[in-house]
C-alpha atoms as a PDB file:
ATOM      1  CA  MET A   1       4.408   6.117 -16.668  1.00  0.00           C
ATOM      2  CA  SER A   2       0.670   5.933 -16.249  1.00  0.00           C
ATOM      3  CA  ASP A   3      -1.301   9.133 -15.834  1.00  0.00           C
ATOM      4  CA  ASN A   4      -3.269   7.460 -13.004  1.00  0.00           C
ATOM      5  CA  PRO A   5      -3.390  10.181 -10.293  1.00  0.00           C
ATOM      6  CA  LEU A   6      -3.027   7.618  -7.509  1.00  0.00           C
ATOM      7  CA  LEU A   7       0.047   6.117  -9.126  1.00  0.00           C
ATOM      8  CA  LEU A   8       1.500   9.593  -9.648  1.00  0.00           C
ATOM      9  CA  ALA A   9       0.974  10.328  -5.928  1.00  0.00           C
ATOM     10  CA  ALA A  10       2.719   7.066  -5.003  1.00  0.00           C
ATOM     11  CA  ARG A  11       5.607   7.921  -7.330  1.00  0.00           C
ATOM     12  CA  ALA A  12       5.999  11.387  -5.784  1.00  0.00           C
ATOM     13  CA  VAL A  13       6.035  10.165  -2.173  1.00  0.00           C
ATOM     14  CA  ARG A  14       8.478   7.378  -3.079  1.00  0.00           C
ATOM     15  CA  GLU A  15      11.108  10.092  -3.461  1.00  0.00           C
ATOM     16  CA  SER A  16      10.797  10.805   0.284  1.00  0.00           C
ATOM     17  CA  ALA A  17      11.430   7.190   1.303  1.00  0.00           C
ATOM     18  CA  TYR A  18      14.168   6.624   3.867  1.00  0.00           C
ATOM     19  CA  ALA A  19      15.996   3.516   2.685  1.00  0.00           C
ATOM     20  CA  PRO A  20      19.706   3.987   3.462  1.00  0.00           C
ATOM     21  CA  TYR A  21      20.375   0.270   3.978  1.00  0.00           C
ATOM     22  CA  SER A  22      18.579  -1.410   1.095  1.00  0.00           C
ATOM     23  CA  ASN A  23      18.187   1.613  -1.202  1.00  0.00           C
ATOM     24  CA  PHE A  24      14.833   0.017  -2.082  1.00  0.00           C
ATOM     25  CA  LYS A  25      12.422   2.937  -2.062  1.00  0.00           C
ATOM     26  CA  VAL A  26       8.672   2.291  -2.095  1.00  0.00           C
ATOM     27  CA  GLY A  27       5.753   4.700  -2.332  1.00  0.00           C
ATOM     28  CA  ALA A  28       2.081   3.959  -1.713  1.00  0.00           C
ATOM     29  CA  ALA A  29      -1.108   5.948  -2.204  1.00  0.00           C
ATOM     30  CA  ILE A  30      -4.595   5.131  -0.997  1.00  0.00           C
ATOM     31  CA  ARG A  31      -7.832   6.669  -2.192  1.00  0.00           C
ATOM     32  CA  THR A  32     -10.631   6.427   0.352  1.00  0.00           C
ATOM     33  CA  SER A  33     -14.367   6.155  -0.225  1.00  0.00           C
ATOM     34  CA  SER A  34     -14.621   9.945   0.256  1.00  0.00           C
ATOM     35  CA  GLY A  35     -12.119  10.504  -2.571  1.00  0.00           C
ATOM     36  CA  ALA A  36      -9.318  11.680  -0.264  1.00  0.00           C
ATOM     37  CA  VAL A  37      -5.803  10.474  -1.092  1.00  0.00           C
ATOM     38  CA  PHE A  38      -3.242   9.490   1.543  1.00  0.00           C
ATOM     39  CA  THR A  39       0.359   8.575   0.837  1.00  0.00           C
ATOM     40  CA  GLY A  40       3.182   6.813   2.610  1.00  0.00           C
ATOM     41  CA  CYS A  41       6.759   5.761   1.945  1.00  0.00           C
ATOM     42  CA  ASN A  42       8.933   3.102   3.484  1.00  0.00           C
ATOM     43  CA  VAL A  43      11.126   4.101   6.407  1.00  0.00           C
ATOM     44  CA  GLU A  44      13.965   1.719   7.226  1.00  0.00           C
ATOM     45  CA  ASN A  45      15.730   1.224  10.501  1.00  0.00           C
ATOM     46  CA  VAL A  46      19.040  -0.527  11.053  1.00  0.00           C
ATOM     47  CA  ALA A  47      16.976  -3.169  12.891  1.00  0.00           C
ATOM     48  CA  TYR A  48      15.092  -4.210   9.730  1.00  0.00           C
ATOM     49  CA  PRO A  49      11.917  -5.536  11.375  1.00  0.00           C
ATOM     50  CA  GLU A  50      11.448  -2.151  13.025  1.00  0.00           C
ATOM     51  CA  GLY A  51      11.020  -0.357   9.700  1.00  0.00           C
ATOM     52  CA  THR A  52       7.708   0.802   8.268  1.00  0.00           C
ATOM     53  CA  CYS A  53       6.242  -0.169   4.922  1.00  0.00           C
ATOM     54  CA  ALA A  54       4.864   2.437   2.529  1.00  0.00           C
ATOM     55  CA  GLU A  55       1.385   0.915   2.644  1.00  0.00           C
ATOM     56  CA  ALA A  56       1.362   0.985   6.450  1.00  0.00           C
ATOM     57  CA  GLY A  57       2.363   4.657   6.381  1.00  0.00           C
ATOM     58  CA  ALA A  58      -0.483   5.526   4.015  1.00  0.00           C
ATOM     59  CA  ILE A  59      -2.961   3.578   6.150  1.00  0.00           C
ATOM     60  CA  ALA A  60      -1.754   5.369   9.290  1.00  0.00           C
ATOM     61  CA  ALA A  61      -2.199   8.765   7.597  1.00  0.00           C
ATOM     62  CA  MET A  62      -5.689   7.728   6.497  1.00  0.00           C
ATOM     63  CA  ALA A  63      -6.694   6.650  10.005  1.00  0.00           C
ATOM     64  CA  ALA A  64      -5.172   9.798  11.530  1.00  0.00           C
ATOM     65  CA  ALA A  65      -7.516  11.794   9.288  1.00  0.00           C
ATOM     66  CA  GLY A  66     -10.497   9.797  10.569  1.00  0.00           C
ATOM     67  CA  GLU A  67     -11.059   7.761   7.420  1.00  0.00           C
ATOM     68  CA  TYR A  68     -11.339   3.986   7.436  1.00  0.00           C
ATOM     69  CA  VAL A  69     -12.563   2.765   4.032  1.00  0.00           C
ATOM     70  CA  ILE A  70     -10.051   2.164   1.238  1.00  0.00           C
ATOM     71  CA  ALA A  71     -11.414   2.371  -2.326  1.00  0.00           C
ATOM     72  CA  GLU A  72      -8.174   1.962  -4.320  1.00  0.00           C
ATOM     73  CA  VAL A  73      -4.461   1.372  -3.738  1.00  0.00           C
ATOM     74  CA  ALA A  74      -1.308   2.072  -5.754  1.00  0.00           C
ATOM     75  CA  VAL A  75       2.224   0.954  -4.863  1.00  0.00           C
ATOM     76  CA  ILE A  76       5.420   1.709  -6.786  1.00  0.00           C
ATOM     77  CA  ALA A  77       8.983   0.482  -6.365  1.00  0.00           C
ATOM     78  CA  ASP A  78      12.204   0.552  -8.367  1.00  0.00           C
ATOM     79  CA  SER A  79      12.113  -3.099  -9.326  1.00  0.00           C
ATOM     80  CA  PRO A  80      12.227  -4.968 -12.634  1.00  0.00           C
ATOM     81  CA  THR A  81       8.780  -6.427 -11.858  1.00  0.00           C
ATOM     82  CA  PRO A  82       5.815  -5.063  -9.879  1.00  0.00           C
ATOM     83  CA  VAL A  83       6.223  -5.643  -6.140  1.00  0.00           C
ATOM     84  CA  PRO A  84       3.148  -6.757  -4.203  1.00  0.00           C
ATOM     85  CA  PRO A  85       2.568  -5.576  -0.631  1.00  0.00           C
ATOM     86  CA  CYS A  86       4.177  -7.749   2.040  1.00  0.00           C
ATOM     87  CA  GLY A  87       2.003 -10.177   3.998  1.00  0.00           C
ATOM     88  CA  GLY A  88       1.506  -7.795   6.898  1.00  0.00           C
ATOM     89  CA  CYS A  89       0.434  -4.967   4.609  1.00  0.00           C
ATOM     90  CA  ARG A  90      -1.924  -7.281   2.730  1.00  0.00           C
ATOM     91  CA  GLN A  91      -3.621  -8.006   6.047  1.00  0.00           C
ATOM     92  CA  LYS A  92      -3.750  -4.282   6.865  1.00  0.00           C
ATOM     93  CA  LEU A  93      -5.296  -3.510   3.467  1.00  0.00           C
ATOM     94  CA  LYS A  94      -7.897  -6.236   4.019  1.00  0.00           C
ATOM     95  CA  GLU A  95      -8.869  -4.597   7.318  1.00  0.00           C
ATOM     96  CA  PHE A  96      -9.932  -1.403   5.522  1.00  0.00           C
ATOM     97  CA  ALA A  97     -10.841  -2.554   1.996  1.00  0.00           C
ATOM     98  CA  SER A  98     -13.414  -4.879   0.489  1.00  0.00           C
ATOM     99  CA  GLY A  99     -12.099  -7.834  -1.446  1.00  0.00           C
ATOM    100  CA  ASP A 100     -12.797  -6.277  -4.832  1.00  0.00           C
ATOM    101  CA  VAL A 101     -10.687  -3.158  -4.211  1.00  0.00           C
ATOM    102  CA  ARG A 102      -8.057  -2.725  -6.937  1.00  0.00           C
ATOM    103  CA  VAL A 103      -4.374  -2.706  -5.999  1.00  0.00           C
ATOM    104  CA  THR A 104      -2.068  -1.413  -8.731  1.00  0.00           C
ATOM    105  CA  MET A 105       1.553  -2.451  -8.300  1.00  0.00           C
ATOM    106  CA  ALA A 106       3.955  -0.562 -10.553  1.00  0.00           C
ATOM    107  CA  THR A 107       7.613  -0.225 -11.405  1.00  0.00           C
ATOM    108  CA  THR A 108       9.371   3.086 -11.924  1.00  0.00           C
ATOM    109  CA  ASP A 109       9.979   2.210 -15.571  1.00  0.00           C
ATOM    110  CA  GLY A 110       6.273   1.821 -16.399  1.00  0.00           C
ATOM    111  CA  GLY A 111       5.478  -1.803 -15.684  1.00  0.00           C
ATOM    112  CA  ALA A 112       2.283  -2.503 -13.784  1.00  0.00           C
ATOM    113  CA  LEU A 113       0.140  -5.316 -12.433  1.00  0.00           C
ATOM    114  CA  GLU A 114      -3.383  -4.992 -11.066  1.00  0.00           C
ATOM    115  CA  MET A 115      -4.963  -7.374  -8.585  1.00  0.00           C
ATOM    116  CA  THR A 116      -7.781  -7.183  -6.076  1.00  0.00           C
ATOM    117  CA  VAL A 117      -7.294  -7.343  -2.329  1.00  0.00           C
ATOM    118  CA  ASP A 118      -8.848 -10.844  -2.346  1.00  0.00           C
ATOM    119  CA  GLN A 119      -6.413 -11.996  -5.035  1.00  0.00           C
ATOM    120  CA  LEU A 120      -3.524 -10.734  -2.909  1.00  0.00           C
ATOM    121  CA  LEU A 121      -4.811 -12.324   0.277  1.00  0.00           C
ATOM    122  CA  PRO A 122      -7.078 -15.306  -0.363  1.00  0.00           C
ATOM    123  CA  GLY A 123      -8.601 -16.817   2.755  1.00  0.00           C
ATOM    124  CA  ALA A 124      -7.835 -13.706   4.810  1.00  0.00           C
ATOM    125  CA  PHE A 125      -8.312 -13.604   8.566  1.00  0.00           C
ATOM    126  CA  GLY A 126     -10.841 -10.900   9.347  1.00  0.00           C
ATOM    127  CA  ALA A 127     -13.002  -9.274  11.989  1.00  0.00           C
ATOM    128  CA  ALA A 128     -15.721 -11.895  11.513  1.00  0.00           C
ATOM    129  CA  HIS A 129     -13.306 -14.495  12.877  1.00  0.00           C
ATOM    130  CA  MET A 130     -13.196 -12.592  16.180  1.00  0.00           C
ATOM    131  CA  GLU A 131     -16.956 -12.855  16.812  1.00  0.00           C
ATOM    132  CA  LYS A 132     -17.942 -15.170  19.625  1.00  0.00           C
ATOM    133  CA  ASP A 133     -21.091 -17.305  19.617  1.00  0.00           C
END
């Protein structure tokens, strides 16, 4: 396992995940531009679409603390290959992170893949698209 502090935080919070239906536990950690770290884990619901992703939980904790600029992201899941954030979470990350922000996706057995937010979500819809002439 990497000694990356953000990845270690994601690993620790993954243990708190509530995944009784899929048993697929995910942990996420976000470091903001101030250096603060916020974590989140997935929380399932029997109505699957009503669950919450780990990344969304970390973003909510960040916003609740009054921070809005993501500088780095780490996500970890018990999977044979690194698991990228879902489409909705990619869009959420793009809302708070510049395109060059690093996203480390890791497995519990030490595998890892790094990409930028722009690599995860090319051609993203953003706030600039909402501006009216």
